[in-house]
Amino acid sequence: MPENASPRIIAIANQKGGVGKTTTTINLGAALAALGQRVLLIDLDPQGNASTGLGVENRDLSSYDLLIEGAPLSEIVQKTNVAGLDLVPATTDLSSADVELSDNEKRVILLRNAFEAADIGHYDYIFMDCPPSLSLLTVNALVAAHSVLVPLQAEFFALEGLSQLMLTVRQVREGANAELRIEGVVLTMYDLRNNLSKLVEDDARQTLGELVYETKIPRNVRLSEAPSFAQTVLEYDASSTGALAYKALAAEILARHHA
């Protein structure tokens, strides 16, 4: 896909679990929608946390049907309660995707083919919430994406887990998607009271340079509470530090794209 194509397709990935990947997907999507962008989220995680966090209960058709059954994207997309934010939900059916696709010669390009067959030009951004593993679901997202946004938990060993993802990105670039690049790295669960967070930040910026966003996502109880009310943090508490951080990250991403 050309680099300047509309929409911009971004995989949100980190093979390490519990780093704020789904939290980033839904709240960054909502923050961009609040800035007037048209956003589609595709839940590729069998746990379906992005779908639950956005309050989507009807999952008769899901990303499983998109990938495995070949259902058209237009039949699966649902509106959410957030204006400008649409969703392709996930179900636990996705957990069998690797087995079901093992004999499919096109198994790594199914999502890209689905995008190419769909009318997606009215979206500005498509975010794909990947599972916390380097499964066929994650590879499909990387092959279909322009870039990868990496949530990086501000804790010990964070950068070690990143190296395997970088290797996978390189392999995908050498194979099925030569245009794939790192969109950026966002530090999550950042604790200003903890020296370790600052040490991880310094290490990340020294290693990755400008790939690391200036915006940091703090540890914030509102971010943790919002999904249990099936809301984004912008709906749940727009003045919380978590909501303000995702608004700032959305503005930073838009600024980079329009620089």
Protein backbone atom coordinates (compact mmCIF):
# COMPACT_ATOMS: atom_id res chain seq x y z
CA MET A 1 0.00 0.00 0.00
CA PRO A 2 1.32 3.48 -0.76
CA GLU A 3 2.62 5.40 2.22
CA ASN A 4 0.26 8.35 1.64
CA ALA A 5 -2.86 6.25 1.20
CA SER A 6 -5.99 7.12 3.12
CA PRO A 7 -6.65 5.70 5.62
CA ARG A 8 -3.45 5.22 7.55
CA ILE A 9 -3.41 1.60 8.73
CA ILE A 10 -1.61 0.99 12.01
CA ALA A 11 -1.07 -2.24 13.92
CA ILE A 12 -0.86 -1.75 17.67
CA ALA A 13 1.35 -4.58 18.82
CA ASN A 14 3.61 -5.88 21.54
CA GLN A 15 4.01 -9.60 22.12
CA LYS A 16 4.27 -8.93 25.85
CA GLY A 17 0.88 -8.87 27.55
CA GLY A 18 -0.30 -6.29 30.04
CA VAL A 19 1.45 -3.31 28.48
CA GLY A 20 -1.64 -1.19 27.78
CA LYS A 21 -2.10 -2.25 24.17
CA THR A 22 -5.89 -2.46 24.16
CA THR A 23 -6.15 0.58 26.43
CA THR A 24 -4.09 2.50 23.88
CA THR A 25 -6.11 1.20 20.94
CA ILE A 26 -9.52 2.29 22.21
CA ASN A 27 -8.49 5.54 23.89
CA LEU A 28 -6.20 6.75 21.13
CA GLY A 29 -8.95 5.92 18.65
CA ALA A 30 -11.46 7.88 20.71
CA ALA A 31 -9.07 10.80 21.11
CA LEU A 32 -8.46 10.99 17.35
CA ALA A 33 -12.22 10.79 16.74
CA ALA A 34 -12.66 13.71 19.15
CA LEU A 35 -10.25 15.67 16.93
CA GLY A 36 -12.45 15.05 13.90
CA GLN A 37 -10.74 11.98 12.51
CA ARG A 38 -12.75 9.03 11.24
CA VAL A 39 -11.39 5.89 12.91
CA LEU A 40 -11.98 2.16 12.49
CA LEU A 41 -10.75 -0.26 15.17
CA ILE A 42 -10.30 -3.92 14.32
CA ASP A 43 -10.18 -6.23 17.33
CA LEU A 44 -7.86 -9.14 16.49
CA ASP A 45 -7.44 -10.37 20.05
CA PRO A 46 -9.49 -13.52 20.89
CA GLN A 47 -10.07 -12.05 24.35
CA GLY A 48 -12.11 -9.29 22.69
CA ASN A 49 -11.19 -6.69 25.30
CA ALA A 50 -11.39 -3.78 22.86
CA SER A 51 -14.91 -4.86 21.94
CA THR A 52 -15.93 -5.16 25.58
CA GLY A 53 -14.29 -1.86 26.48
CA LEU A 54 -16.36 -0.11 23.82
CA GLY A 55 -19.58 -1.73 24.97
CA VAL A 56 -20.20 -3.73 21.80
CA GLU A 57 -22.32 -6.76 22.67
CA ASN A 58 -23.54 -7.85 19.23
CA ARG A 59 -20.77 -10.02 17.84
CA ASP A 60 -22.76 -12.23 15.47
CA LEU A 61 -20.23 -11.19 12.86
CA SER A 62 -16.66 -10.55 13.92
CA SER A 63 -13.05 -10.36 12.78
CA TYR A 64 -13.15 -14.18 12.69
CA ASP A 65 -15.71 -13.96 9.87
CA LEU A 66 -13.57 -11.35 8.12
CA LEU A 67 -10.42 -13.50 8.15
CA ILE A 68 -11.61 -17.10 8.20
CA GLU A 69 -14.96 -16.93 6.43
CA GLY A 70 -14.13 -14.14 3.98
CA ALA A 71 -17.12 -11.99 4.97
CA PRO A 72 -17.01 -8.44 3.54
CA LEU A 73 -15.73 -5.78 5.91
CA SER A 74 -18.81 -3.63 5.32
CA GLU A 75 -21.06 -6.34 6.80
CA ILE A 76 -19.07 -6.56 10.04
CA VAL A 77 -18.29 -2.94 10.94
CA GLN A 78 -20.38 -1.57 13.80
CA LYS A 79 -20.89 1.93 15.11
CA THR A 80 -19.80 2.54 18.69
CA ASN A 81 -21.12 5.06 21.20
CA VAL A 82 -18.20 7.30 20.27
CA ALA A 83 -18.94 9.55 17.29
CA GLY A 84 -16.51 8.89 14.46
CA LEU A 85 -15.30 5.59 15.92
CA ASP A 86 -16.32 2.27 14.32
CA LEU A 87 -15.39 -1.26 15.34
CA VAL A 88 -14.92 -4.75 13.95
CA PRO A 89 -15.45 -6.82 17.13
CA ALA A 90 -13.70 -10.04 18.14
CA THR A 91 -14.86 -13.32 19.66
CA THR A 92 -13.09 -16.29 21.19
CA ASP A 93 -13.49 -18.05 17.81
CA LEU A 94 -10.27 -16.27 16.84
CA SER A 95 -8.31 -18.47 19.24
CA SER A 96 -8.41 -21.27 16.65
CA ALA A 97 -7.25 -19.07 13.77
CA ASP A 98 -3.68 -20.39 13.64
CA VAL A 99 -4.90 -23.97 13.33
CA GLU A 100 -7.67 -23.19 10.84
CA LEU A 101 -5.35 -21.17 8.61
CA SER A 102 -2.34 -23.49 8.73
CA ASP A 103 -3.06 -25.02 5.30
CA ASN A 104 -4.18 -21.77 3.65
CA GLU A 105 -1.55 -20.55 1.18
CA LYS A 106 -2.81 -16.97 1.60
CA ARG A 107 -2.86 -17.15 5.40
CA VAL A 108 -0.64 -14.10 6.00
CA ILE A 109 -2.34 -11.79 3.49
CA LEU A 110 -6.00 -12.38 4.34
CA LEU A 111 -6.46 -9.08 6.17
CA ARG A 112 -4.67 -7.10 3.48
CA ASN A 113 -6.89 -8.71 0.86
CA ALA A 114 -9.96 -7.82 2.94
CA PHE A 115 -8.89 -4.16 3.04
CA GLU A 116 -8.18 -4.10 -0.68
CA ALA A 117 -11.65 -5.49 -1.40
CA ALA A 118 -13.39 -2.99 0.88
CA ASP A 119 -14.36 0.67 0.61
CA ILE A 120 -12.24 2.12 3.41
CA GLY A 121 -11.37 5.48 1.88
CA HIS A 122 -13.72 7.37 4.19
CA TYR A 123 -11.60 6.49 7.22
CA ASP A 124 -8.56 8.50 8.29
CA TYR A 125 -7.14 5.80 10.57
CA ILE A 126 -7.52 2.07 10.96
CA PHE A 127 -6.09 0.61 14.18
CA MET A 128 -5.67 -3.13 14.66
CA ASP A 129 -5.51 -4.38 18.24
CA CYS A 130 -3.19 -7.40 18.03
CA PRO A 131 -3.05 -10.31 20.48
CA PRO A 132 -0.05 -10.46 22.84
CA SER A 133 1.76 -13.04 20.73
CA LEU A 134 3.40 -13.36 17.34
CA SER A 135 0.53 -15.44 15.96
CA LEU A 136 -0.90 -15.49 12.44
CA LEU A 137 -3.33 -12.82 13.60
CA THR A 138 -0.46 -10.46 14.45
CA VAL A 139 1.37 -11.32 11.22
CA ASN A 140 -1.80 -10.57 9.22
CA ALA A 141 -1.97 -7.17 10.89
CA LEU A 142 1.70 -6.43 10.15
CA VAL A 143 1.33 -7.45 6.52
CA ALA A 144 -1.77 -5.25 6.11
CA ALA A 145 -0.38 -2.22 7.96
CA HIS A 146 1.59 0.83 6.94
CA SER A 147 3.21 0.91 10.37
CA VAL A 148 3.35 -0.48 13.90
CA LEU A 149 2.66 1.51 17.06
CA VAL A 150 4.27 -0.12 20.09
CA PRO A 151 3.02 0.46 23.65
CA LEU A 152 6.05 0.00 25.92
CA GLN A 153 5.48 -0.50 29.62
CA ALA A 154 7.81 1.65 31.71
CA GLU A 155 9.11 -1.32 33.69
CA PHE A 156 12.22 -3.49 33.93
CA PHE A 157 12.98 -5.71 30.90
CA ALA A 158 10.60 -3.69 28.71
CA LEU A 159 13.17 -3.15 25.95
CA GLU A 160 14.14 -6.82 25.89
CA GLY A 161 10.63 -7.79 24.84
CA LEU A 162 10.71 -5.13 22.15
CA SER A 163 13.67 -6.69 20.35
CA GLN A 164 11.70 -9.76 19.22
CA LEU A 165 8.93 -7.55 17.80
CA MET A 166 11.53 -5.50 15.92
CA LEU A 167 12.94 -8.73 14.47
CA THR A 168 9.47 -9.78 13.34
CA VAL A 169 8.89 -6.38 11.73
CA ARG A 170 12.17 -6.79 9.85
CA GLN A 171 11.15 -10.25 8.65
CA VAL A 172 7.76 -8.99 7.46
CA ARG A 173 9.48 -6.09 5.69
CA GLU A 174 11.80 -8.51 3.89
CA GLY A 175 8.86 -10.71 2.91
CA ALA A 176 5.26 -9.66 2.46
CA ASN A 177 5.28 -5.92 3.29
CA ALA A 178 8.36 -3.96 2.29
CA GLU A 179 6.74 -0.65 3.31
CA LEU A 180 6.16 -1.59 6.96
CA ARG A 181 7.83 0.69 9.48
CA ILE A 182 7.67 1.58 13.14
CA GLU A 183 5.09 4.32 13.64
CA GLY A 184 6.29 5.09 17.14
CA VAL A 185 6.77 3.81 20.66
CA VAL A 186 4.54 5.10 23.46
CA LEU A 187 5.58 4.69 27.08
CA THR A 188 2.65 3.36 29.12
CA MET A 189 1.98 2.85 32.84
CA TYR A 190 4.46 5.63 33.55
CA ASP A 191 4.85 6.43 37.25
CA LEU A 192 6.38 9.82 38.00
CA ARG A 193 7.07 8.71 41.57
CA ASN A 194 9.13 5.76 40.41
CA ASN A 195 12.75 6.24 39.37
CA LEU A 196 12.51 3.08 37.28
CA SER A 197 10.05 4.73 34.90
CA LYS A 198 12.53 7.53 34.26
CA LEU A 199 15.35 5.04 33.75
CA VAL A 200 13.29 3.05 31.23
CA GLU A 201 12.38 6.28 29.44
CA ASP A 202 16.01 7.37 29.24
CA ASP A 203 17.04 3.95 27.96
CA ALA A 204 14.23 3.92 25.37
CA ARG A 205 15.05 7.39 24.08
CA GLN A 206 18.75 6.58 23.90
CA THR A 207 18.05 3.35 22.01
CA LEU A 208 15.12 4.41 19.80
CA GLY A 209 15.53 8.17 19.52
CA GLU A 210 12.68 10.06 17.90
CA LEU A 211 10.59 6.90 17.57
CA VAL A 212 9.60 7.43 21.21
CA TYR A 213 6.68 9.84 21.54
CA GLU A 214 7.08 12.80 23.85
CA THR A 215 3.70 11.97 25.38
CA LYS A 216 3.78 9.40 28.18
CA ILE A 217 0.71 7.51 29.39
CA PRO A 218 0.62 7.57 33.21
CA ARG A 219 -0.60 4.97 35.63
CA ASN A 220 -4.12 6.21 36.25
CA VAL A 221 -6.99 4.54 38.07
CA ARG A 222 -9.52 6.08 35.64
CA LEU A 223 -7.87 4.23 32.76
CA SER A 224 -8.36 0.98 34.66
CA GLU A 225 -11.95 1.73 35.67
CA ALA A 226 -13.33 2.93 32.34
CA PRO A 227 -13.55 -0.48 30.55
CA SER A 228 -15.68 -1.94 33.34
CA PHE A 229 -18.26 0.72 32.45
CA ALA A 230 -17.86 -0.09 28.73
CA GLN A 231 -16.50 3.39 28.12
CA THR A 232 -13.34 5.01 26.86
CA VAL A 233 -11.53 7.11 29.44
CA LEU A 234 -12.58 10.22 27.50
CA GLU A 235 -16.22 9.34 28.17
CA TYR A 236 -15.65 8.13 31.71
CA ASP A 237 -13.55 11.05 32.98
CA ALA A 238 -12.43 13.51 30.34
CA SER A 239 -10.41 15.55 32.85
CA SER A 240 -8.39 12.60 34.22
CA THR A 241 -4.66 12.42 33.61
CA GLY A 242 -5.21 9.32 31.49
CA ALA A 243 -7.70 11.06 29.21
CA LEU A 244 -5.49 14.13 28.89
CA ALA A 245 -2.51 11.94 28.01
CA TYR A 246 -4.34 10.17 25.18
CA LYS A 247 -5.60 13.50 23.86
CA ALA A 248 -2.00 14.73 23.84
CA LEU A 249 -0.81 11.55 22.10
CA ALA A 250 -3.49 11.91 19.42
CA ALA A 251 -2.44 15.52 18.81
CA GLU A 252 1.22 14.46 18.63
CA ILE A 253 0.47 11.73 16.10
CA LEU A 254 -1.54 14.14 13.93
CA ALA A 255 1.27 16.68 14.11
CA ARG A 256 3.79 14.09 12.94
CA HIS A 257 1.61 13.01 10.04
CA HIS A 258 1.03 16.57 8.90
CA ALA A 259 4.61 17.77 9.43
